[in-house]
Amino acid sequence: MLTMTAFEDSSFSFWPRVREIAVPPSMIETATARRCAGDWAGACAAAGFDVDLDLRTVARVHGSGLAALLRADLRRLAPDLLRWHMPRTAPDGLLRTGTTVTLARYDEPGRPRPVRLVVRTAPAWAEGGQRISLTVWDGLAPHGRGHGPRGYRPPDRRFRLDLHRHLWDAGRSHELRPRTGADGAGPFDGPVPVWASRVPGPERFALGRWADEAALLLAAEGRTGGGEVAVRLGGRHRLLLDVRPSPGPPGEAGGPSEVRSARYVKAGACAGLPVLPDAAARVLPDLELLRRGLVAPERLHPLVAAALAPGTSASGSLRTDDDGPPREVDCRGARHRIGLVGGVLVPLDHDPAEIRREELLAALTGTPLPCLQVIDVAHRRPDCLADVRDRLAHGDPAGALAGIERMLGAEARLRDGDLRDLFTDAARQRVRHGLFRAGLADPGPREPVTGRERYRVGLHRTRPRNAAYR
């Protein structure tokens, strides 16, 4: 029990912080305004998306009919809402690297594979800035025409949102409440089935929705009569569900379904079977945050708050921090103040001549005034250092700079220290991501590699997350 409790806390603990900083209110406001004005490309730019598709090229290659469907979906796309729901990993809650998520599928007569609208995240070594790529996938090689730089992976069956449009389509975000079971009294209407009682950590999974979601998945795969669906429970364990329509009058599509049987199998035994996406298998993080009281509805994305907590005002999501009163410092037996003057943090109770003498003394390795010592520490290791680090890691340099300006002033010049190192490292990571996007940087295979390892590395370009860039 102790192990399970520790696992639950560690797997969920990063979500409150992610919801606070990963998609800042300024991003949501700008992306929403541009989307409502019909500028879907501008909305993507505001939400940190790189658009790797051209509608005229799509029309020339796949026809004007498919291009029209794609254009309609792009106009409904809320990129800030999609970033809100993108898969993330512990312990920092950063975007899952090297992942391709399907948003929509378009079937073409005579083509064995559908054309897909997808979003992709860069590999771990080039993840700086938390940028997301939006493009069209037609089943060709990842470095083929219209797919952007080499290094992105094919669509992942675990992370497909073509059956969960409410997670990115602004016009269908109201479906979030019924699709997550937020308006139900419990996961099951009657007794808990035997298979559900054997699922480890059942509070992490949306067990009551599995039958209906599996039926939707099977229908999308052309198996309207039901069939087997694999549910990923962990790295090596799968639950194989046999889902069939419930007995009764002929139903409409998406009618009630039930799990006839369930059995645990190894991961390799599910090859070729449909996989229940994580968006359907697991409890929505926002719903769990609300149930635990870890976040107020006003702090959620406005579209999410409107679906899960109707009537909630989104104004509470905006941060209105001010500079606050001057700070007080013990300086030579007196209480002195330091504050912002002309966009710079300065001592308020020392005349300019005294400050110049003390700065000259410090330059000659002397001990400056305590007021100047506090200002120097604020420039090198401020109290908001952890918040700045988190915002830079989540791709919000504007939010990080705003916090620094509130504390040090808009005209402050960073001195050597931890704070300056953070911004320097963030800039290098953005440059590294830019080189990856331009096809000018590739970490290459690890050394030494031999035999099957050489083939695996050469094919997938894998690299450990904590490996240093070369």
Protein backbone atom coordinates (compact mmCIF):
# COMPACT_ATOMS: atom_id res chain seq x y z
CA MET A 1 0.00 0.00 0.00
CA LEU A 2 2.84 2.37 0.82
CA THR A 3 4.47 1.64 -2.54
CA MET A 4 1.21 2.30 -4.40
CA THR A 5 0.65 5.58 -2.53
CA ALA A 6 4.14 6.76 -3.35
CA PHE A 7 3.66 5.82 -7.01
CA GLU A 8 0.37 7.71 -7.22
CA ASP A 9 1.86 10.87 -5.75
CA SER A 10 4.92 10.79 -7.99
CA SER A 11 2.90 10.17 -11.14
CA PHE A 12 0.50 13.03 -10.47
CA SER A 13 2.53 15.58 -8.55
CA PHE A 14 3.78 17.55 -11.59
CA TRP A 15 0.33 18.37 -13.03
CA PRO A 16 -0.55 21.36 -10.78
CA ARG A 17 2.71 23.07 -11.74
CA VAL A 18 2.26 22.19 -15.42
CA ARG A 19 -1.21 23.69 -15.46
CA GLU A 20 0.20 26.89 -13.94
CA ILE A 21 3.04 27.61 -16.37
CA ALA A 22 3.09 25.26 -19.38
CA VAL A 23 0.38 27.16 -21.32
CA PRO A 24 0.51 30.75 -20.01
CA PRO A 25 -2.60 33.00 -20.14
CA SER A 26 -0.91 35.38 -22.58
CA MET A 27 -0.46 32.50 -25.04
CA ILE A 28 -4.11 31.48 -24.68
CA GLU A 29 -5.36 35.04 -25.20
CA THR A 30 -3.24 35.71 -28.28
CA ALA A 31 -3.92 32.34 -29.92
CA THR A 32 -7.67 32.64 -29.25
CA ALA A 33 -7.86 36.16 -30.69
CA ARG A 34 -6.07 35.10 -33.87
CA ARG A 35 -8.14 31.94 -34.23
CA CYS A 36 -11.40 33.87 -33.84
CA ALA A 37 -10.17 36.27 -36.54
CA GLY A 38 -9.69 33.34 -38.94
CA ASP A 39 -5.88 33.38 -38.78
CA TRP A 40 -5.14 29.73 -37.96
CA ALA A 41 -1.46 30.09 -38.87
CA GLY A 42 -1.11 33.09 -36.56
CA ALA A 43 -2.80 31.13 -33.76
CA CYS A 44 -0.29 28.32 -34.26
CA ALA A 45 2.61 30.79 -34.12
CA ALA A 46 1.27 32.27 -30.87
CA ALA A 47 0.99 28.79 -29.31
CA GLY A 48 4.55 27.74 -30.20
CA PHE A 49 3.74 25.62 -33.27
CA ASP A 50 5.87 25.30 -36.41
CA VAL A 51 3.66 24.84 -39.50
CA ASP A 52 5.27 22.32 -41.87
CA LEU A 53 2.46 22.07 -44.41
CA ASP A 54 1.33 24.01 -47.46
CA LEU A 55 -2.30 23.78 -48.53
CA ARG A 56 -1.49 24.35 -52.21
CA THR A 57 0.97 21.46 -52.14
CA VAL A 58 -1.61 19.26 -50.42
CA ALA A 59 -4.19 20.16 -53.08
CA ARG A 60 -1.73 19.36 -55.89
CA VAL A 61 -0.67 16.01 -54.40
CA HIS A 62 -3.90 14.77 -52.80
CA GLY A 63 -6.63 16.72 -54.53
CA SER A 64 -8.71 19.80 -53.77
CA GLY A 65 -11.36 17.82 -51.87
CA LEU A 66 -8.89 16.63 -49.24
CA ALA A 67 -7.31 20.10 -49.08
CA ALA A 68 -10.76 21.59 -48.33
CA LEU A 69 -11.30 19.14 -45.46
CA LEU A 70 -7.85 19.92 -44.12
CA ARG A 71 -8.45 23.69 -44.34
CA ALA A 72 -11.71 23.33 -42.40
CA ASP A 73 -9.98 21.37 -39.63
CA LEU A 74 -7.17 23.92 -39.43
CA ARG A 75 -9.71 26.69 -38.91
CA ARG A 76 -11.27 24.74 -36.04
CA LEU A 77 -7.91 23.91 -34.49
CA ALA A 78 -7.22 25.59 -31.12
CA PRO A 79 -3.45 25.11 -30.83
CA ASP A 80 -3.35 26.41 -27.25
CA LEU A 81 -5.98 23.81 -26.27
CA LEU A 82 -3.98 21.11 -28.05
CA ARG A 83 -0.79 22.12 -26.23
CA TRP A 84 -2.79 21.94 -22.99
CA HIS A 85 -3.70 18.29 -23.68
CA MET A 86 -0.45 17.09 -25.28
CA PRO A 87 1.16 14.03 -23.61
CA ARG A 88 3.75 14.91 -20.98
CA THR A 89 6.29 12.99 -18.90
CA ALA A 90 7.33 13.05 -15.26
CA PRO A 91 9.00 14.49 -13.26
CA ASP A 92 9.01 17.93 -14.94
CA GLY A 93 5.83 17.65 -17.01
CA LEU A 94 7.63 18.54 -20.24
CA LEU A 95 6.20 17.50 -23.59
CA ARG A 96 6.82 13.87 -24.43
CA THR A 97 9.75 13.90 -26.85
CA GLY A 98 9.82 12.10 -30.20
CA THR A 99 6.04 11.66 -30.33
CA THR A 100 3.72 12.05 -33.32
CA VAL A 101 0.02 12.55 -32.50
CA THR A 102 -2.73 12.07 -35.10
CA LEU A 103 -5.39 14.80 -35.09
CA ALA A 104 -7.48 13.77 -38.12
CA ARG A 105 -7.49 11.08 -40.80
CA TYR A 106 -8.60 11.51 -44.41
CA ASP A 107 -9.31 8.42 -46.49
CA GLU A 108 -8.52 8.59 -50.19
CA PRO A 109 -9.90 6.11 -52.72
CA GLY A 110 -7.17 3.80 -53.95
CA ARG A 111 -4.72 4.61 -51.15
CA PRO A 112 -3.87 1.81 -48.68
CA ARG A 113 -3.17 4.33 -45.90
CA PRO A 114 -5.12 7.44 -44.92
CA VAL A 115 -3.60 10.91 -45.06
CA ARG A 116 -3.27 12.33 -41.54
CA LEU A 117 -3.05 15.72 -39.93
CA VAL A 118 -0.45 15.27 -37.19
CA VAL A 119 1.56 17.19 -34.62
CA ARG A 120 5.06 16.12 -33.62
CA THR A 121 7.61 16.84 -30.92
CA ALA A 122 11.35 16.86 -31.56
CA PRO A 123 13.72 14.18 -30.23
CA ALA A 124 15.12 14.65 -26.73
CA TRP A 125 18.41 16.21 -27.83
CA ALA A 126 16.56 18.98 -29.74
CA GLU A 127 13.58 19.63 -27.46
CA GLY A 128 14.65 23.15 -26.43
CA GLY A 129 11.79 25.64 -26.46
CA GLN A 130 9.05 22.95 -26.33
CA ARG A 131 8.12 23.62 -29.94
CA ILE A 132 5.47 21.50 -31.71
CA SER A 133 5.39 20.77 -35.46
CA LEU A 134 2.11 20.67 -37.42
CA THR A 135 2.15 18.81 -40.72
CA VAL A 136 0.48 16.25 -42.99
CA TRP A 137 1.56 12.59 -42.91
CA ASP A 138 0.84 10.41 -45.94
CA GLY A 139 2.74 7.27 -44.96
CA LEU A 140 5.95 8.10 -46.82
CA ALA A 141 9.39 8.19 -45.24
CA PRO A 142 9.69 10.84 -42.48
CA HIS A 143 12.28 12.71 -44.54
CA GLY A 144 10.12 12.71 -47.68
CA ARG A 145 8.40 15.63 -49.38
CA GLY A 146 6.40 17.92 -47.11
CA HIS A 147 7.36 16.30 -43.82
CA GLY A 148 9.88 18.78 -42.45
CA PRO A 149 13.30 17.84 -41.09
CA ARG A 150 14.47 14.30 -40.57
CA GLY A 151 14.25 12.96 -37.02
CA TYR A 152 10.49 12.90 -36.39
CA ARG A 153 8.77 9.56 -35.81
CA PRO A 154 5.68 7.98 -37.41
CA PRO A 155 2.27 8.41 -35.70
CA ASP A 156 1.99 6.67 -32.33
CA ARG A 157 -1.07 4.48 -31.75
CA ARG A 158 -1.10 5.41 -28.06
CA PHE A 159 -1.46 9.11 -28.78
CA ARG A 160 -4.10 9.53 -31.46
CA LEU A 161 -6.67 12.30 -31.09
CA ASP A 162 -8.69 11.75 -34.25
CA LEU A 163 -11.25 10.03 -32.00
CA HIS A 164 -10.93 12.77 -29.37
CA ARG A 165 -11.44 15.96 -31.32
CA HIS A 166 -12.75 17.69 -28.18
CA LEU A 167 -9.11 17.90 -27.04
CA TRP A 168 -8.12 20.20 -29.92
CA ASP A 169 -11.25 21.26 -31.85
CA ALA A 170 -12.63 24.51 -30.40
CA GLY A 171 -16.09 23.75 -31.80
CA ARG A 172 -16.31 20.42 -29.97
CA SER A 173 -14.65 21.24 -26.66
CA HIS A 174 -18.05 20.96 -24.94
CA GLU A 175 -17.86 17.18 -25.49
CA LEU A 176 -15.06 17.00 -22.92
CA ARG A 177 -17.47 16.57 -20.00
CA PRO A 178 -19.43 13.53 -21.27
CA ARG A 179 -16.37 11.91 -22.88
CA THR A 180 -14.42 12.00 -19.59
CA GLY A 181 -17.30 10.79 -17.42
CA ALA A 182 -17.29 14.02 -15.41
CA ASP A 183 -21.08 14.09 -15.16
CA GLY A 184 -21.48 10.48 -13.97
CA ALA A 185 -21.97 9.27 -10.40
CA GLY A 186 -19.41 6.51 -10.70
CA PRO A 187 -17.40 4.46 -13.17
CA PHE A 188 -20.03 1.69 -13.36
CA ASP A 189 -23.83 1.70 -13.08
CA GLY A 190 -23.88 -1.65 -11.31
CA PRO A 191 -21.35 -3.87 -9.51
CA VAL A 192 -17.71 -3.49 -10.45
CA PRO A 193 -16.76 -6.19 -13.00
CA VAL A 194 -14.16 -8.74 -12.02
CA TRP A 195 -11.71 -7.57 -14.68
CA ALA A 196 -11.91 -3.97 -13.43
CA SER A 197 -11.23 -4.97 -9.82
CA ARG A 198 -7.94 -6.57 -10.91
CA VAL A 199 -6.54 -3.46 -12.65
CA PRO A 200 -3.58 -2.09 -10.65
CA GLY A 201 -4.06 1.53 -9.60
CA PRO A 202 -7.66 1.76 -10.85
CA GLU A 203 -7.97 5.42 -9.80
CA ARG A 204 -5.56 6.34 -12.62
CA PHE A 205 -7.76 4.79 -15.33
CA ALA A 206 -11.18 5.75 -16.71
CA LEU A 207 -12.47 2.19 -16.33
CA GLY A 208 -16.12 3.09 -16.80
CA ARG A 209 -15.43 4.58 -20.25
CA TRP A 210 -13.34 1.74 -21.64
CA ALA A 211 -16.20 -0.22 -23.25
CA ASP A 212 -17.67 2.77 -25.12
CA GLU A 213 -14.28 4.18 -26.10
CA ALA A 214 -13.13 0.76 -27.33
CA ALA A 215 -16.32 0.50 -29.42
CA LEU A 216 -15.55 3.87 -31.03
CA LEU A 217 -12.01 2.70 -31.76
CA LEU A 218 -13.22 -0.56 -33.32
CA ALA A 219 -15.79 1.30 -35.44
CA ALA A 220 -13.06 3.61 -36.72
CA GLU A 221 -11.07 0.52 -37.70
CA GLY A 222 -14.07 -0.91 -39.57
CA ARG A 223 -14.97 -3.52 -36.93
CA THR A 224 -18.56 -2.58 -36.15
CA GLY A 225 -19.35 -6.01 -34.70
CA GLY A 226 -16.83 -5.64 -31.88
CA GLY A 227 -13.49 -7.28 -31.27
CA GLU A 228 -10.39 -7.23 -29.10
CA VAL A 229 -8.70 -4.03 -27.94
CA ALA A 230 -5.41 -3.77 -26.05
CA VAL A 231 -5.10 -1.41 -23.09
CA ARG A 232 -1.63 -0.38 -21.98
CA LEU A 233 -1.26 -0.65 -18.19
CA GLY A 234 2.49 -0.19 -18.00
CA GLY A 235 5.74 -0.77 -19.82
CA ARG A 236 5.25 -4.52 -20.33
CA HIS A 237 1.70 -5.32 -19.26
CA ARG A 238 -1.44 -5.16 -21.40
CA LEU A 239 -5.09 -5.91 -20.74
CA LEU A 240 -6.86 -7.49 -23.69
CA LEU A 241 -10.57 -6.56 -23.75
CA ASP A 242 -13.17 -8.39 -25.83
CA VAL A 243 -15.74 -5.66 -26.50
CA ARG A 244 -19.13 -6.48 -28.02
CA PRO A 245 -22.34 -4.49 -28.57
CA SER A 246 -24.80 -4.92 -25.73
CA PRO A 247 -27.84 -7.08 -26.50
CA GLY A 248 -30.91 -5.06 -27.39
CA PRO A 249 -32.55 -3.32 -30.35
CA PRO A 250 -30.32 -2.42 -33.27
CA GLY A 251 -28.36 0.58 -32.11
CA GLU A 252 -26.97 3.64 -33.66
CA ALA A 253 -23.25 4.11 -34.04
CA GLY A 254 -21.57 4.53 -30.71
CA GLY A 255 -24.37 2.76 -28.81
CA PRO A 256 -23.87 0.95 -25.51
CA SER A 257 -21.20 -1.73 -25.46
CA GLU A 258 -19.85 -4.10 -22.86
CA VAL A 259 -16.67 -5.98 -22.08
CA ARG A 260 -17.40 -9.69 -22.50
CA SER A 261 -13.99 -10.88 -21.26
CA ALA A 262 -10.58 -9.56 -20.28
CA ARG A 263 -7.19 -11.18 -19.88
CA TYR A 264 -3.68 -9.99 -19.09
CA VAL A 265 -1.00 -10.56 -21.71
CA LYS A 266 2.56 -9.50 -22.43
CA ALA A 267 3.19 -6.49 -24.65
CA GLY A 268 4.32 -8.59 -27.62
CA ALA A 269 1.06 -10.57 -27.70
CA CYS A 270 -0.95 -7.52 -28.87
CA ALA A 271 0.77 -6.96 -32.20
CA GLY A 272 -1.73 -5.98 -34.89
CA LEU A 273 -4.58 -5.27 -32.45
CA PRO A 274 -6.10 -1.80 -31.94
CA VAL A 275 -4.64 0.01 -28.92
CA LEU A 276 -6.90 2.12 -26.72
CA PRO A 277 -5.39 5.65 -26.80
CA ASP A 278 -4.16 7.11 -23.54
CA ALA A 279 -6.73 9.91 -23.85
CA ALA A 280 -9.45 7.26 -23.47
CA ALA A 281 -7.66 4.88 -21.10
CA ARG A 282 -6.62 7.31 -18.36
CA VAL A 283 -8.43 9.85 -16.21
CA LEU A 284 -8.19 13.39 -17.53
CA PRO A 285 -5.62 15.25 -15.39
CA ASP A 286 -7.83 18.35 -15.12
CA LEU A 287 -10.73 16.29 -13.82
CA GLU A 288 -8.51 14.71 -11.15
CA LEU A 289 -7.11 18.12 -10.20
CA LEU A 290 -10.62 19.46 -9.65
CA ARG A 291 -11.66 16.43 -7.63
CA ARG A 292 -8.64 16.76 -5.34
CA GLY A 293 -9.06 20.50 -4.99
CA LEU A 294 -5.55 21.15 -6.33
CA VAL A 295 -6.66 23.75 -8.87
CA ALA A 296 -9.51 26.22 -9.09
CA PRO A 297 -11.66 26.08 -12.24
CA GLU A 298 -10.64 29.67 -13.02
CA ARG A 299 -7.03 28.54 -13.42
CA LEU A 300 -7.84 26.02 -16.16
CA HIS A 301 -7.91 26.67 -19.87
CA PRO A 302 -11.13 28.62 -20.60
CA LEU A 303 -12.52 25.92 -22.92
CA VAL A 304 -11.71 23.20 -20.39
CA ALA A 305 -13.22 25.19 -17.52
CA ALA A 306 -16.40 25.84 -19.54
CA ALA A 307 -16.82 22.09 -20.11
CA LEU A 308 -15.90 20.74 -16.67
CA ALA A 309 -17.22 23.62 -14.54
CA PRO A 310 -19.98 25.44 -16.47
CA GLY A 311 -20.52 29.03 -15.42
CA THR A 312 -16.93 29.56 -14.37
CA SER A 313 -15.36 32.89 -15.31
CA ALA A 314 -11.99 32.64 -17.01
CA SER A 315 -10.81 35.99 -15.66
CA GLY A 316 -9.14 34.31 -12.70
CA SER A 317 -6.58 32.69 -15.00
CA LEU A 318 -4.86 36.01 -15.60
CA ARG A 319 -1.95 36.94 -13.39
CA THR A 320 -1.89 40.58 -12.24
CA ASP A 321 1.32 40.76 -10.27
CA ASP A 322 2.62 44.24 -9.47
CA ASP A 323 6.00 45.43 -8.32
CA GLY A 324 4.92 45.65 -4.70
CA PRO A 325 6.38 47.95 -2.04
CA PRO A 326 10.15 48.52 -1.68
CA ARG A 327 12.03 45.75 0.11
CA GLU A 328 13.74 46.44 3.42
CA VAL A 329 17.34 45.49 4.25
CA ASP A 330 19.34 45.60 7.50
CA CYS A 331 22.20 47.94 6.57
CA ARG A 332 24.72 49.06 9.20
CA GLY A 333 22.27 49.02 12.07
CA ALA A 334 19.38 50.63 10.21
CA ARG A 335 16.46 49.51 8.05
CA HIS A 336 17.02 50.66 4.48
CA ARG A 337 14.89 50.23 1.38
CA ILE A 338 15.71 48.99 -2.10
CA GLY A 339 13.32 49.43 -5.01
CA LEU A 340 12.93 50.07 -8.73
CA VAL A 341 13.88 53.49 -10.05
CA GLY A 342 14.00 54.07 -13.79
CA GLY A 343 13.72 50.35 -14.45
CA VAL A 344 16.73 49.46 -12.25
CA LEU A 345 16.89 48.00 -8.73
CA VAL A 346 18.75 50.54 -6.56
CA PRO A 347 19.20 51.49 -2.86
CA LEU A 348 16.72 54.21 -1.92
CA ASP A 349 18.35 55.44 1.29
CA HIS A 350 21.90 56.11 0.02
CA ASP A 351 22.95 59.15 -2.01
CA PRO A 352 24.55 58.62 -5.45
CA ALA A 353 28.02 59.67 -4.27
CA GLU A 354 28.03 57.07 -1.51
CA ILE A 355 26.85 54.39 -3.93
CA ARG A 356 29.68 55.23 -6.37
CA ARG A 357 32.27 54.99 -3.56
CA GLU A 358 30.89 51.63 -2.43
CA GLU A 359 30.86 50.26 -5.98
CA LEU A 360 34.49 51.35 -6.41
CA LEU A 361 35.35 49.66 -3.12
CA ALA A 362 33.68 46.45 -4.30
CA ALA A 363 35.61 46.60 -7.58
CA LEU A 364 38.83 46.72 -5.51
CA THR A 365 37.75 43.50 -3.68
CA GLY A 366 36.36 45.36 -0.69
CA THR A 367 33.10 44.63 1.15
CA PRO A 368 30.26 46.79 -0.19
CA LEU A 369 27.19 48.05 1.65
CA PRO A 370 24.65 45.38 2.68
CA CYS A 371 22.12 47.07 0.38
CA LEU A 372 24.45 46.58 -2.59
CA GLN A 373 25.15 43.00 -1.50
CA VAL A 374 21.42 42.18 -1.56
CA ILE A 375 21.08 43.74 -5.01
CA ASP A 376 24.07 41.76 -6.28
CA VAL A 377 22.62 38.49 -4.96
CA ALA A 378 19.27 39.34 -6.58
CA HIS A 379 21.02 39.71 -9.95
CA ARG A 380 22.94 36.46 -9.63
CA ARG A 381 20.64 34.13 -7.63
CA PRO A 382 17.18 35.73 -7.22
CA ASP A 383 14.39 34.24 -5.14
CA CYS A 384 12.44 33.53 -8.33
CA LEU A 385 15.25 31.42 -9.81
CA ALA A 386 13.25 28.16 -9.65
CA ASP A 387 10.23 29.80 -11.32
CA VAL A 388 12.43 31.23 -14.08
CA ARG A 389 14.04 27.82 -14.64
CA ASP A 390 10.61 26.15 -14.95
CA ARG A 391 9.25 28.73 -17.36
CA LEU A 392 12.30 28.54 -19.60
CA ALA A 393 12.11 24.73 -19.61
CA HIS A 394 8.45 24.88 -20.68
CA GLY A 395 9.19 27.30 -23.51
CA ASP A 396 7.90 30.52 -21.93
CA PRO A 397 10.82 32.99 -22.13
CA ALA A 398 8.39 35.93 -22.08
CA GLY A 399 6.98 34.81 -18.73
CA ALA A 400 10.47 34.25 -17.35
CA LEU A 401 11.61 37.73 -18.44
CA ALA A 402 8.46 39.29 -17.00
CA GLY A 403 9.25 37.79 -13.59
CA ILE A 404 12.82 39.07 -13.75
CA GLU A 405 11.68 42.56 -14.77
CA ARG A 406 9.23 42.71 -11.87
CA MET A 407 12.08 41.94 -9.48
CA LEU A 408 15.15 43.58 -11.05
CA GLY A 409 13.62 46.14 -13.40
CA ALA A 410 13.25 46.33 -17.18
CA GLU A 411 16.68 47.99 -17.63
CA ALA A 412 18.64 45.55 -15.47
CA ARG A 413 21.78 43.95 -16.91
CA LEU A 414 22.32 40.37 -15.79
CA ARG A 415 25.59 39.67 -13.97
CA ASP A 416 27.58 36.45 -13.97
CA GLY A 417 25.77 33.83 -11.92
CA ASP A 418 23.05 31.21 -11.93
CA LEU A 419 20.42 33.49 -13.47
CA ARG A 420 22.54 34.45 -16.44
CA ASP A 421 23.58 30.82 -16.93
CA LEU A 422 19.90 29.84 -17.16
CA PHE A 423 19.19 32.26 -19.99
CA THR A 424 22.42 31.35 -21.77
CA ASP A 425 21.60 27.65 -21.64
CA ALA A 426 18.03 28.28 -22.82
CA ALA A 427 19.36 30.28 -25.79
CA ARG A 428 21.73 27.46 -26.72
CA GLN A 429 18.90 24.94 -26.61
CA ARG A 430 16.79 27.11 -28.90
CA VAL A 431 19.72 27.35 -31.32
CA ARG A 432 20.11 23.57 -31.18
CA HIS A 433 16.42 23.14 -32.00
CA GLY A 434 16.76 25.60 -34.88
CA LEU A 435 19.68 23.62 -36.29
CA PHE A 436 17.61 20.45 -36.04
CA ARG A 437 14.71 22.13 -37.86
CA ALA A 438 17.09 23.29 -40.59
CA GLY A 439 18.59 19.81 -40.95
CA LEU A 440 22.03 21.08 -39.93
CA ALA A 441 22.42 19.09 -36.70
CA ASP A 442 22.13 15.37 -36.01
CA PRO A 443 23.56 13.67 -32.92
CA GLY A 444 24.34 10.57 -34.96
CA PRO A 445 24.74 7.09 -33.52
CA ARG A 446 26.29 6.43 -30.14
CA GLU A 447 29.79 4.98 -30.07
CA PRO A 448 30.83 2.24 -30.05
CA VAL A 449 27.99 0.30 -31.67
CA THR A 450 28.14 -3.09 -33.32
CA GLY A 451 25.84 -5.67 -34.88
CA ARG A 452 22.11 -5.23 -34.26
CA GLU A 453 22.78 -2.10 -32.21
CA ARG A 454 24.32 -0.39 -35.24
CA TYR A 455 21.23 -1.20 -37.30
CA ARG A 456 18.85 0.00 -34.57
CA VAL A 457 20.65 3.30 -34.02
CA GLY A 458 21.13 3.95 -37.72
CA LEU A 459 17.43 3.36 -38.41
CA HIS A 460 15.77 5.26 -35.55
CA ARG A 461 18.47 7.73 -34.51
CA THR A 462 17.77 7.04 -30.85
CA ARG A 463 19.69 8.76 -28.11
CA PRO A 464 19.45 8.69 -24.32
CA ARG A 465 17.54 11.67 -22.89
CA ASN A 466 20.39 12.62 -20.56
CA ALA A 467 23.12 12.30 -23.20
CA ALA A 468 25.27 15.35 -23.83
CA TYR A 469 24.96 17.05 -27.21
CA ARG A 470 27.95 16.74 -29.52
